[in-house]
Amino acid sequence: MKTYRFLGAKARRRREEIGLTTRQVATMIGVTAGHVRNLETGNSDISPPTYKLLCGALHVEMDALREEIDDRLDDDGEAA
C-alpha cells in the first residue's frame, strides 16, 4: 500500500469530520469531485501543490495528514 492511500484515507475521514462533500472540496482546490474520490481511495497520487491545497481546505497542517504514516511504511513506501 502506497503512502497516498494512507493520506487519502485520512483526508476522507477529516473531510467527513468537518462536513464537506467531495464536490465542495474539489471546488475549493480546483479539481473534479472524481479526482478527490480517487485521491481518497488511493487510485491517484497527490501532487505537492494539490496536497497543500487539500490541507488548507481541510483546515489541517500539512504534517497532520502524514502523522503515523511514516511509521507504517518501509523505505519503498509499502506497508511494513
Protein backbone atom coordinates (compact mmCIF):
# COMPACT_ATOMS: atom_id res chain seq x y z
CA MET A 1 0.00 0.00 0.00
CA LYS A 2 1.44 3.33 -1.03
CA THR A 3 1.75 6.43 1.12
CA TYR A 4 -1.00 8.20 -0.80
CA ARG A 5 -3.55 5.55 0.20
CA PHE A 6 -2.92 6.35 3.85
CA LEU A 7 -3.06 10.07 3.09
CA GLY A 8 -6.28 9.66 1.14
CA ALA A 9 -7.99 7.69 3.90
CA LYS A 10 -7.01 10.28 6.48
CA ALA A 11 -8.14 13.09 4.20
CA ARG A 12 -11.52 11.43 3.72
CA ARG A 13 -12.02 10.99 7.46
CA ARG A 14 -11.14 14.64 8.02
CA ARG A 15 -13.43 15.80 5.19
CA GLU A 16 -16.31 13.85 6.70
CA GLU A 17 -15.50 15.17 10.21
CA ILE A 18 -15.89 18.76 9.05
CA GLY A 19 -18.97 18.02 6.97
CA LEU A 20 -17.70 18.70 3.46
CA THR A 21 -18.67 16.81 0.32
CA THR A 22 -16.17 15.69 -2.30
CA ARG A 23 -17.69 18.28 -4.63
CA GLN A 24 -17.13 21.08 -2.10
CA VAL A 25 -13.51 20.08 -1.56
CA ALA A 26 -12.99 19.75 -5.31
CA THR A 27 -14.26 23.29 -5.87
CA MET A 28 -12.01 24.59 -3.11
CA ILE A 29 -8.86 23.01 -4.55
CA GLY A 30 -9.62 23.33 -8.25
CA VAL A 31 -10.06 19.69 -9.27
CA THR A 32 -13.04 17.48 -10.08
CA ALA A 33 -15.04 15.60 -7.46
CA GLY A 34 -13.93 12.40 -9.20
CA HIS A 35 -10.31 13.35 -8.66
CA VAL A 36 -10.97 13.96 -4.95
CA ARG A 37 -12.57 10.50 -4.72
CA ASN A 38 -9.56 8.99 -6.49
CA LEU A 39 -7.22 10.74 -4.06
CA GLU A 40 -9.22 9.49 -1.08
CA THR A 41 -9.24 5.90 -2.29
CA GLY A 42 -5.59 5.89 -3.31
CA ASN A 43 -6.36 5.48 -7.01
CA SER A 44 -4.46 8.70 -7.78
CA ASP A 45 -1.23 10.02 -6.39
CA ILE A 46 -1.34 13.55 -4.99
CA SER A 47 0.99 16.27 -6.20
CA PRO A 48 2.63 18.57 -3.64
CA PRO A 49 0.63 21.65 -4.78
CA THR A 50 -2.67 19.73 -4.59
CA TYR A 51 -1.68 18.31 -1.20
CA LYS A 52 -1.08 21.82 0.10
CA LEU A 53 -4.45 23.00 -1.20
CA LEU A 54 -6.18 19.93 0.24
CA CYS A 55 -4.70 20.55 3.67
CA GLY A 56 -5.92 24.14 3.51
CA ALA A 57 -9.42 23.05 2.51
CA LEU A 58 -9.49 20.53 5.36
CA HIS A 59 -8.08 23.02 7.86
CA VAL A 60 -5.13 20.83 8.82
CA GLU A 61 -1.40 21.36 8.92
CA MET A 62 0.46 19.66 6.09
CA ASP A 63 2.22 17.32 8.53
CA ALA A 64 -1.06 16.35 10.21
CA LEU A 65 -2.15 14.01 7.40
CA ARG A 66 1.31 12.45 7.29
CA GLU A 67 1.47 11.68 11.01
CA GLU A 68 1.80 7.97 11.78
CA ILE A 69 2.20 7.14 8.08
CA ASP A 70 5.99 7.07 8.15
CA ASP A 71 5.90 4.54 10.99
CA ARG A 72 3.67 2.22 8.95
CA LEU A 73 5.71 2.25 5.74
CA ASP A 74 9.09 0.92 4.76
CA ASP A 75 11.63 2.84 2.67
CA ASP A 76 9.82 1.96 -0.58
CA GLY A 77 6.51 3.39 0.57
CA GLU A 78 5.00 -0.06 1.04
CA ALA A 79 3.19 -1.22 4.17
CA ALA A 80 5.67 -2.71 6.58
